[in-house]
Amino acid sequence: MVDLLRNALLTAISENGLDLLIKFSLAGLSLVVFYYIIVVVSNRIEQKIIGDTIDQNKYTLRTAKLLGQIVFIFLMICAFLISLEIV
């Protein structure tokens, strides 16, 4: 079973090696670009929540951080799925 999978993988690489390399590099590059965009967006959301509040107590700061992390995780999952679609 392992030999069959290994042979299938080696055949796919030998026939479509350059195409796979281009797709993987594009997927990695898009994931890096999405990461930087997502970091900026999640930080902007945190700062907007903190800036819009009248009193900045520890619960407001924690809520802003939590929402920023939730948005970050959701957008990273979407970016990962997009990069998988490229491959």
PDB file of N, CA and C in Angstrom:
ATOM      1  N   MET A   1       0.822  -1.191   0.000  1.00  0.00           N
ATOM      2  CA  MET A   1       0.000   0.000   0.000  1.00  0.00           C
ATOM      3  C   MET A   1       0.869   1.260   0.000  1.00  0.00           C
ATOM      4  N   VAL A   2       1.898   1.257   0.856  1.00  0.00           N
ATOM      5  CA  VAL A   2       2.798   2.407   0.926  1.00  0.00           C
ATOM      6  C   VAL A   2       3.574   2.549  -0.382  1.00  0.00           C
ATOM      7  N   ASP A   3       4.004   1.401  -0.944  1.00  0.00           N
ATOM      8  CA  ASP A   3       4.726   1.453  -2.215  1.00  0.00           C
ATOM      9  C   ASP A   3       3.846   1.986  -3.337  1.00  0.00           C
ATOM     10  N   LEU A   4       2.580   1.643  -3.324  1.00  0.00           N
ATOM     11  CA  LEU A   4       1.645   2.128  -4.336  1.00  0.00           C
ATOM     12  C   LEU A   4       1.482   3.639  -4.243  1.00  0.00           C
ATOM     13  N   LEU A   5       1.332   4.152  -3.022  1.00  0.00           N
ATOM     14  CA  LEU A   5       1.212   5.599  -2.825  1.00  0.00           C
ATOM     15  C   LEU A   5       2.497   6.322  -3.209  1.00  0.00           C
ATOM     16  N   ARG A   6       3.634   5.722  -2.848  1.00  0.00           N
ATOM     17  CA  ARG A   6       4.920   6.338  -3.177  1.00  0.00           C
ATOM     18  C   ARG A   6       5.121   6.386  -4.684  1.00  0.00           C
ATOM     19  N   ASN A   7       4.774   5.302  -5.367  1.00  0.00           N
ATOM     20  CA  ASN A   7       4.917   5.271  -6.820  1.00  0.00           C
ATOM     21  C   ASN A   7       3.970   6.255  -7.494  1.00  0.00           C
ATOM     22  N   ALA A   8       2.758   6.378  -6.974  1.00  0.00           N
ATOM     23  CA  ALA A   8       1.803   7.330  -7.541  1.00  0.00           C
ATOM     24  C   ALA A   8       2.297   8.763  -7.349  1.00  0.00           C
ATOM     25  N   LEU A   9       2.867   9.047  -6.178  1.00  0.00           N
ATOM     26  CA  LEU A   9       3.397  10.379  -5.911  1.00  0.00           C
ATOM     27  C   LEU A   9       4.599  10.683  -6.794  1.00  0.00           C
ATOM     28  N   LEU A  10       5.496   9.734  -6.951  1.00  0.00           N
ATOM     29  CA  LEU A  10       6.661   9.939  -7.804  1.00  0.00           C
ATOM     30  C   LEU A  10       6.262  10.112  -9.264  1.00  0.00           C
ATOM     31  N   THR A  11       5.250   9.390  -9.707  1.00  0.00           N
ATOM     32  CA  THR A  11       4.754   9.541 -11.076  1.00  0.00           C
ATOM     33  C   THR A  11       4.139  10.915 -11.282  1.00  0.00           C
ATOM     34  N   ALA A  12       3.364  11.370 -10.312  1.00  0.00           N
ATOM     35  CA  ALA A  12       2.736  12.683 -10.425  1.00  0.00           C
ATOM     36  C   ALA A  12       3.781  13.791 -10.428  1.00  0.00           C
ATOM     37  N   ILE A  13       4.814  13.651  -9.618  1.00  0.00           N
ATOM     38  CA  ILE A  13       5.871  14.662  -9.570  1.00  0.00           C
ATOM     39  C   ILE A  13       6.688  14.647 -10.863  1.00  0.00           C
ATOM     40  N   SER A  14       6.976  13.474 -11.381  1.00  0.00           N
ATOM     41  CA  SER A  14       7.781  13.411 -12.602  1.00  0.00           C
ATOM     42  C   SER A  14       7.010  13.927 -13.808  1.00  0.00           C
ATOM     43  N   GLU A  15       5.696  13.748 -13.843  1.00  0.00           N
ATOM     44  CA  GLU A  15       4.900  14.218 -14.979  1.00  0.00           C
ATOM     45  C   GLU A  15       4.524  15.693 -14.847  1.00  0.00           C
ATOM     46  N   ASN A  16       4.181  16.134 -13.634  1.00  0.00           N
ATOM     47  CA  ASN A  16       3.686  17.493 -13.423  1.00  0.00           C
ATOM     48  C   ASN A  16       4.509  18.239 -12.381  1.00  0.00           C
ATOM     49  N   GLY A  17       5.787  18.007 -12.317  1.00  0.00           N
ATOM     50  CA  GLY A  17       6.616  18.582 -11.266  1.00  0.00           C
ATOM     51  C   GLY A  17       6.653  20.094 -11.278  1.00  0.00           C
ATOM     52  N   LEU A  18       6.870  20.681 -12.445  1.00  0.00           N
ATOM     53  CA  LEU A  18       6.957  22.137 -12.532  1.00  0.00           C
ATOM     54  C   LEU A  18       5.612  22.782 -12.229  1.00  0.00           C
ATOM     55  N   ASP A  19       4.562  22.180 -12.713  1.00  0.00           N
ATOM     56  CA  ASP A  19       3.222  22.710 -12.452  1.00  0.00           C
ATOM     57  C   ASP A  19       2.893  22.671 -10.961  1.00  0.00           C
ATOM     58  N   LEU A  20       3.235  21.560 -10.305  1.00  0.00           N
ATOM     59  CA  LEU A  20       3.003  21.461  -8.862  1.00  0.00           C
ATOM     60  C   LEU A  20       3.849  22.458  -8.092  1.00  0.00           C
ATOM     61  N   LEU A  21       5.080  22.657  -8.508  1.00  0.00           N
ATOM     62  CA  LEU A  21       5.960  23.613  -7.842  1.00  0.00           C
ATOM     63  C   LEU A  21       5.409  25.030  -7.959  1.00  0.00           C
ATOM     64  N   ILE A  22       4.914  25.390  -9.127  1.00  0.00           N
ATOM     65  CA  ILE A  22       4.328  26.712  -9.323  1.00  0.00           C
ATOM     66  C   ILE A  22       3.081  26.880  -8.476  1.00  0.00           C
ATOM     67  N   LYS A  23       2.238  25.874  -8.445  1.00  0.00           N
ATOM     68  CA  LYS A  23       1.008  25.962  -7.648  1.00  0.00           C
ATOM     69  C   LYS A  23       1.303  26.076  -6.156  1.00  0.00           C
ATOM     70  N   PHE A  24       2.253  25.280  -5.668  1.00  0.00           N
ATOM     71  CA  PHE A  24       2.595  25.347  -4.243  1.00  0.00           C
ATOM     72  C   PHE A  24       3.234  26.686  -3.883  1.00  0.00           C
ATOM     73  N   SER A  25       4.070  27.210  -4.762  1.00  0.00           N
ATOM     74  CA  SER A  25       4.680  28.501  -4.473  1.00  0.00           C
ATOM     75  C   SER A  25       3.651  29.621  -4.508  1.00  0.00           C
ATOM     76  N   LEU A  26       2.701  29.579  -5.433  1.00  0.00           N
ATOM     77  CA  LEU A  26       1.628  30.572  -5.459  1.00  0.00           C
ATOM     78  C   LEU A  26       0.742  30.466  -4.225  1.00  0.00           C
ATOM     79  N   ALA A  27       0.467  29.247  -3.805  1.00  0.00           N
ATOM     80  CA  ALA A  27      -0.353  29.054  -2.606  1.00  0.00           C
ATOM     81  C   ALA A  27       0.369  29.586  -1.372  1.00  0.00           C
ATOM     82  N   GLY A  28       1.652  29.322  -1.257  1.00  0.00           N
ATOM     83  CA  GLY A  28       2.420  29.826  -0.122  1.00  0.00           C
ATOM     84  C   GLY A  28       2.519  31.340  -0.127  1.00  0.00           C
ATOM     85  N   LEU A  29       2.747  31.905  -1.299  1.00  0.00           N
ATOM     86  CA  LEU A  29       2.825  33.358  -1.416  1.00  0.00           C
ATOM     87  C   LEU A  29       1.492  34.014  -1.073  1.00  0.00           C
ATOM     88  N   SER A  30       0.408  33.427  -1.556  1.00  0.00           N
ATOM     89  CA  SER A  30      -0.909  33.994  -1.239  1.00  0.00           C
ATOM     90  C   SER A  30      -1.215  33.870   0.244  1.00  0.00           C
ATOM     91  N   LEU A  31      -0.790  32.791   0.870  1.00  0.00           N
ATOM     92  CA  LEU A  31      -1.011  32.633   2.304  1.00  0.00           C
ATOM     93  C   LEU A  31      -0.236  33.679   3.104  1.00  0.00           C
ATOM     94  N   VAL A  32       0.977  33.987   2.690  1.00  0.00           N
ATOM     95  CA  VAL A  32       1.770  35.020   3.364  1.00  0.00           C
ATOM     96  C   VAL A  32       1.123  36.390   3.198  1.00  0.00           C
ATOM     97  N   VAL A  33       0.666  36.703   1.981  1.00  0.00           N
ATOM     98  CA  VAL A  33       0.017  37.992   1.734  1.00  0.00           C
ATOM     99  C   VAL A  33      -1.275  38.097   2.542  1.00  0.00           C
ATOM    100  N   PHE A  34      -2.065  37.036   2.537  1.00  0.00           N
ATOM    101  CA  PHE A  34      -3.298  37.038   3.324  1.00  0.00           C
ATOM    102  C   PHE A  34      -3.001  37.211   4.809  1.00  0.00           C
ATOM    103  N   TYR A  35      -1.923  36.584   5.295  1.00  0.00           N
ATOM    104  CA  TYR A  35      -1.564  36.697   6.708  1.00  0.00           C
ATOM    105  C   TYR A  35      -1.338  38.161   7.093  1.00  0.00           C
ATOM    106  N   TYR A  36      -0.550  38.871   6.293  1.00  0.00           N
ATOM    107  CA  TYR A  36      -0.270  40.270   6.623  1.00  0.00           C
ATOM    108  C   TYR A  36      -1.527  41.131   6.552  1.00  0.00           C
ATOM    109  N   ILE A  37      -2.376  40.873   5.580  1.00  0.00           N
ATOM    110  CA  ILE A  37      -3.636  41.619   5.482  1.00  0.00           C
ATOM    111  C   ILE A  37      -4.524  41.320   6.687  1.00  0.00           C
ATOM    112  N   ILE A  38      -4.596  40.075   7.084  1.00  0.00           N
ATOM    113  CA  ILE A  38      -5.445  39.668   8.202  1.00  0.00           C
ATOM    114  C   ILE A  38      -4.935  40.263   9.510  1.00  0.00           C
ATOM    115  N   VAL A  39      -3.621  40.319   9.697  1.00  0.00           N
ATOM    116  CA  VAL A  39      -3.068  40.934  10.904  1.00  0.00           C
ATOM    117  C   VAL A  39      -3.465  42.401  10.978  1.00  0.00           C
ATOM    118  N   VAL A  40      -3.377  43.104   9.865  1.00  0.00           N
ATOM    119  CA  VAL A  40      -3.752  44.518   9.846  1.00  0.00           C
ATOM    120  C   VAL A  40      -5.243  44.684  10.144  1.00  0.00           C
ATOM    121  N   VAL A  41      -6.078  43.844   9.554  1.00  0.00           N
ATOM    122  CA  VAL A  41      -7.524  43.946   9.762  1.00  0.00           C
ATOM    123  C   VAL A  41      -7.891  43.646  11.209  1.00  0.00           C
ATOM    124  N   SER A  42      -7.329  42.586  11.774  1.00  0.00           N
ATOM    125  CA  SER A  42      -7.688  42.236  13.158  1.00  0.00           C
ATOM    126  C   SER A  42      -7.186  43.293  14.142  1.00  0.00           C
ATOM    127  N   ASN A  43      -6.004  43.838  13.904  1.00  0.00           N
ATOM    128  CA  ASN A  43      -5.516  44.915  14.774  1.00  0.00           C
ATOM    129  C   ASN A  43      -6.373  46.161  14.636  1.00  0.00           C
ATOM    130  N   ARG A  44      -6.821  46.443  13.436  1.00  0.00           N
ATOM    131  CA  ARG A  44      -7.694  47.606  13.223  1.00  0.00           C
ATOM    132  C   ARG A  44      -9.024  47.425  13.947  1.00  0.00           C
ATOM    133  N   ILE A  45      -9.554  46.222  13.947  1.00  0.00           N
ATOM    134  CA  ILE A  45     -10.807  45.948  14.657  1.00  0.00           C
ATOM    135  C   ILE A  45     -10.614  46.157  16.158  1.00  0.00           C
ATOM    136  N   GLU A  46      -9.506  45.650  16.694  1.00  0.00           N
ATOM    137  CA  GLU A  46      -9.227  45.839  18.122  1.00  0.00           C
ATOM    138  C   GLU A  46      -9.116  47.313  18.469  1.00  0.00           C
ATOM    139  N   GLN A  47      -8.383  48.074  17.675  1.00  0.00           N
ATOM    140  CA  GLN A  47      -8.214  49.499  17.955  1.00  0.00           C
ATOM    141  C   GLN A  47      -9.517  50.269  17.809  1.00  0.00           C
ATOM    142  N   LYS A  48     -10.352  49.866  16.861  1.00  0.00           N
ATOM    143  CA  LYS A  48     -11.637  50.531  16.673  1.00  0.00           C
ATOM    144  C   LYS A  48     -12.556  50.283  17.872  1.00  0.00           C
ATOM    145  N   ILE A  49     -12.563  49.064  18.396  1.00  0.00           N
ATOM    146  CA  ILE A  49     -13.388  48.756  19.568  1.00  0.00           C
ATOM    147  C   ILE A  49     -12.886  49.525  20.786  1.00  0.00           C
ATOM    148  N   ILE A  50     -11.586  49.559  20.965  1.00  0.00           N
ATOM    149  CA  ILE A  50     -11.017  50.276  22.111  1.00  0.00           C
ATOM    150  C   ILE A  50     -11.265  51.777  21.986  1.00  0.00           C
ATOM    151  N   GLY A  51     -11.142  52.307  20.776  1.00  0.00           N
ATOM    152  CA  GLY A  51     -11.311  53.737  20.577  1.00  0.00           C
ATOM    153  C   GLY A  51     -12.749  54.210  20.683  1.00  0.00           C
ATOM    154  N   ASP A  52     -13.715  53.340  20.430  1.00  0.00           N
ATOM    155  CA  ASP A  52     -15.120  53.731  20.460  1.00  0.00           C
ATOM    156  C   ASP A  52     -15.752  53.653  21.843  1.00  0.00           C
ATOM    157  N   THR A  53     -15.033  53.155  22.827  1.00  0.00           N
ATOM    158  CA  THR A  53     -15.615  53.017  24.156  1.00  0.00           C
ATOM    159  C   THR A  53     -15.359  54.269  24.986  1.00  0.00           C
ATOM    160  N   ILE A  54     -16.276  54.554  25.874  1.00  0.00           N
ATOM    161  CA  ILE A  54     -16.136  55.723  26.742  1.00  0.00           C
ATOM    162  C   ILE A  54     -15.119  55.440  27.847  1.00  0.00           C
ATOM    163  N   ASP A  55     -15.293  54.313  28.511  1.00  0.00           N
ATOM    164  CA  ASP A  55     -14.345  53.944  29.558  1.00  0.00           C
ATOM    165  C   ASP A  55     -13.569  52.709  29.099  1.00  0.00           C
ATOM    166  N   GLN A  56     -12.273  52.741  29.283  1.00  0.00           N
ATOM    167  CA  GLN A  56     -11.429  51.646  28.839  1.00  0.00           C
ATOM    168  C   GLN A  56     -10.976  50.833  30.045  1.00  0.00           C
ATOM    169  N   ASN A  57     -11.858  49.977  30.507  1.00  0.00           N
ATOM    170  CA  ASN A  57     -11.480  49.115  31.615  1.00  0.00           C
ATOM    171  C   ASN A  57     -10.897  47.813  31.072  1.00  0.00           C
ATOM    172  N   LYS A  58     -10.521  46.910  31.967  1.00  0.00           N
ATOM    173  CA  LYS A  58      -9.859  45.685  31.524  1.00  0.00           C
ATOM    174  C   LYS A  58     -10.797  44.773  30.741  1.00  0.00           C
ATOM    175  N   TYR A  59     -12.110  44.857  30.992  1.00  0.00           N
ATOM    176  CA  TYR A  59     -13.051  44.008  30.269  1.00  0.00           C
ATOM    177  C   TYR A  59     -13.214  44.464  28.823  1.00  0.00           C
ATOM    178  N   THR A  60     -13.172  45.755  28.612  1.00  0.00           N
ATOM    179  CA  THR A  60     -13.239  46.275  27.253  1.00  0.00           C
ATOM    180  C   THR A  60     -12.004  45.861  26.464  1.00  0.00           C
ATOM    181  N   LEU A  61     -10.854  45.947  27.097  1.00  0.00           N
ATOM    182  CA  LEU A  61      -9.623  45.548  26.423  1.00  0.00           C
ATOM    183  C   LEU A  61      -9.613  44.057  26.121  1.00  0.00           C
ATOM    184  N   ARG A  62     -10.092  43.254  27.057  1.00  0.00           N
ATOM    185  CA  ARG A  62     -10.156  41.803  26.832  1.00  0.00           C
ATOM    186  C   ARG A  62     -11.149  41.450  25.743  1.00  0.00           C
ATOM    187  N   THR A  63     -12.286  42.144  25.722  1.00  0.00           N
ATOM    188  CA  THR A  63     -13.289  41.891  24.684  1.00  0.00           C
ATOM    189  C   THR A  63     -12.750  42.263  23.312  1.00  0.00           C
ATOM    190  N   ALA A  64     -12.066  43.388  23.228  1.00  0.00           N
ATOM    191  CA  ALA A  64     -11.477  43.805  21.958  1.00  0.00           C
ATOM    192  C   ALA A  64     -10.444  42.795  21.481  1.00  0.00           C
ATOM    193  N   LYS A  65      -9.614  42.317  22.401  1.00  0.00           N
ATOM    194  CA  LYS A  65      -8.601  41.318  22.051  1.00  0.00           C
ATOM    195  C   LYS A  65      -9.255  40.008  21.603  1.00  0.00           C
ATOM    196  N   LEU A  66     -10.315  39.593  22.306  1.00  0.00           N
ATOM    197  CA  LEU A  66     -11.012  38.362  21.950  1.00  0.00           C
ATOM    198  C   LEU A  66     -11.644  38.465  20.569  1.00  0.00           C
ATOM    199  N   LEU A  67     -12.313  39.566  20.282  1.00  0.00           N
ATOM    200  CA  LEU A  67     -12.930  39.725  18.962  1.00  0.00           C
ATOM    201  C   LEU A  67     -11.877  39.802  17.867  1.00  0.00           C
ATOM    202  N   GLY A  68     -10.762  40.449  18.149  1.00  0.00           N
ATOM    203  CA  GLY A  68      -9.671  40.489  17.177  1.00  0.00           C
ATOM    204  C   GLY A  68      -9.124  39.103  16.880  1.00  0.00           C
ATOM    205  N   GLN A  69      -9.005  38.273  17.919  1.00  0.00           N
ATOM    206  CA  GLN A  69      -8.512  36.907  17.727  1.00  0.00           C
ATOM    207  C   GLN A  69      -9.520  36.046  16.975  1.00  0.00           C
ATOM    208  N   ILE A  70     -10.801  36.232  17.261  1.00  0.00           N
ATOM    209  CA  ILE A  70     -11.841  35.470  16.550  1.00  0.00           C
ATOM    210  C   ILE A  70     -11.824  35.815  15.069  1.00  0.00           C
ATOM    211  N   VAL A  71     -11.744  37.099  14.756  1.00  0.00           N
ATOM    212  CA  VAL A  71     -11.684  37.527  13.357  1.00  0.00           C
ATOM    213  C   VAL A  71     -10.418  36.994  12.695  1.00  0.00           C
ATOM    214  N   PHE A  72      -9.300  37.050  13.418  1.00  0.00           N
ATOM    215  CA  PHE A  72      -8.039  36.544  12.878  1.00  0.00           C
ATOM    216  C   PHE A  72      -8.144  35.061  12.527  1.00  0.00           C
ATOM    217  N   ILE A  73      -8.674  34.258  13.433  1.00  0.00           N
ATOM    218  CA  ILE A  73      -8.775  32.819  13.200  1.00  0.00           C
ATOM    219  C   ILE A  73      -9.718  32.519  12.045  1.00  0.00           C
ATOM    220  N   PHE A  74     -10.868  33.194  12.008  1.00  0.00           N
ATOM    221  CA  PHE A  74     -11.825  32.963  10.929  1.00  0.00           C
ATOM    222  C   PHE A  74     -11.223  33.318   9.570  1.00  0.00           C
ATOM    223  N   LEU A  75     -10.554  34.455   9.492  1.00  0.00           N
ATOM    224  CA  LEU A  75      -9.975  34.870   8.219  1.00  0.00           C
ATOM    225  C   LEU A  75      -8.785  33.992   7.825  1.00  0.00           C
ATOM    226  N   MET A  76      -8.025  33.497   8.789  1.00  0.00           N
ATOM    227  CA  MET A  76      -6.922  32.593   8.469  1.00  0.00           C
ATOM    228  C   MET A  76      -7.434  31.256   7.938  1.00  0.00           C
ATOM    229  N   ILE A  77      -8.550  30.783   8.482  1.00  0.00           N
ATOM    230  CA  ILE A  77      -9.149  29.553   7.948  1.00  0.00           C
ATOM    231  C   ILE A  77      -9.586  29.781   6.506  1.00  0.00           C
ATOM    232  N   CYS A  78     -10.199  30.929   6.248  1.00  0.00           N
ATOM    233  CA  CYS A  78     -10.607  31.250   4.878  1.00  0.00           C
ATOM    234  C   CYS A  78      -9.396  31.353   3.956  1.00  0.00           C
ATOM    235  N   ALA A  79      -8.317  31.981   4.412  1.00  0.00           N
ATOM    236  CA  ALA A  79      -7.108  32.111   3.604  1.00  0.00           C
ATOM    237  C   ALA A  79      -6.487  30.750   3.340  1.00  0.00           C
ATOM    238  N   PHE A  80      -6.494  29.875   4.336  1.00  0.00           N
ATOM    239  CA  PHE A  80      -5.949  28.529   4.152  1.00  0.00           C
ATOM    240  C   PHE A  80      -6.767  27.755   3.121  1.00  0.00           C
ATOM    241  N   LEU A  81      -8.091  27.889   3.177  1.00  0.00           N
ATOM    242  CA  LEU A  81      -8.932  27.210   2.207  1.00  0.00           C
ATOM    243  C   LEU A  81      -8.727  27.760   0.795  1.00  0.00           C
ATOM    244  N   ILE A  82      -8.501  29.055   0.685  1.00  0.00           N
ATOM    245  CA  ILE A  82      -8.220  29.653  -0.621  1.00  0.00           C
ATOM    246  C   ILE A  82      -6.887  29.129  -1.166  1.00  0.00           C
ATOM    247  N   SER A  83      -5.888  29.030  -0.294  1.00  0.00           N
ATOM    248  CA  SER A  83      -4.593  28.522  -0.754  1.00  0.00           C
ATOM    249  C   SER A  83      -4.684  27.039  -1.145  1.00  0.00           C
ATOM    250  N   LEU A  84      -5.529  26.283  -0.459  1.00  0.00           N
ATOM    251  CA  LEU A  84      -5.742  24.892  -0.859  1.00  0.00           C
ATOM    252  C   LEU A  84      -6.449  24.811  -2.208  1.00  0.00           C
ATOM    253  N   GLU A  85      -7.328  25.757  -2.463  1.00  0.00           N
ATOM    254  CA  GLU A  85      -8.022  25.791  -3.746  1.00  0.00           C
ATOM    255  C   GLU A  85      -7.035  26.076  -4.880  1.00  0.00           C
ATOM    256  N   ILE A  86      -6.005  26.876  -4.609  1.00  0.00           N
ATOM    257  CA  ILE A  86      -4.995  27.160  -5.624  1.00  0.00           C
ATOM    258  C   ILE A  86      -4.239  25.894  -5.986  1.00  0.00           C
ATOM    259  N   VAL A  87      -3.934  25.111  -4.972  1.00  0.00           N
ATOM    260  CA  VAL A  87      -3.199  23.861  -5.216  1.00  0.00           C
ATOM    261  C   VAL A  87      -4.127  22.855  -5.859  1.00  0.00           C
TER     262      VAL A  87
END
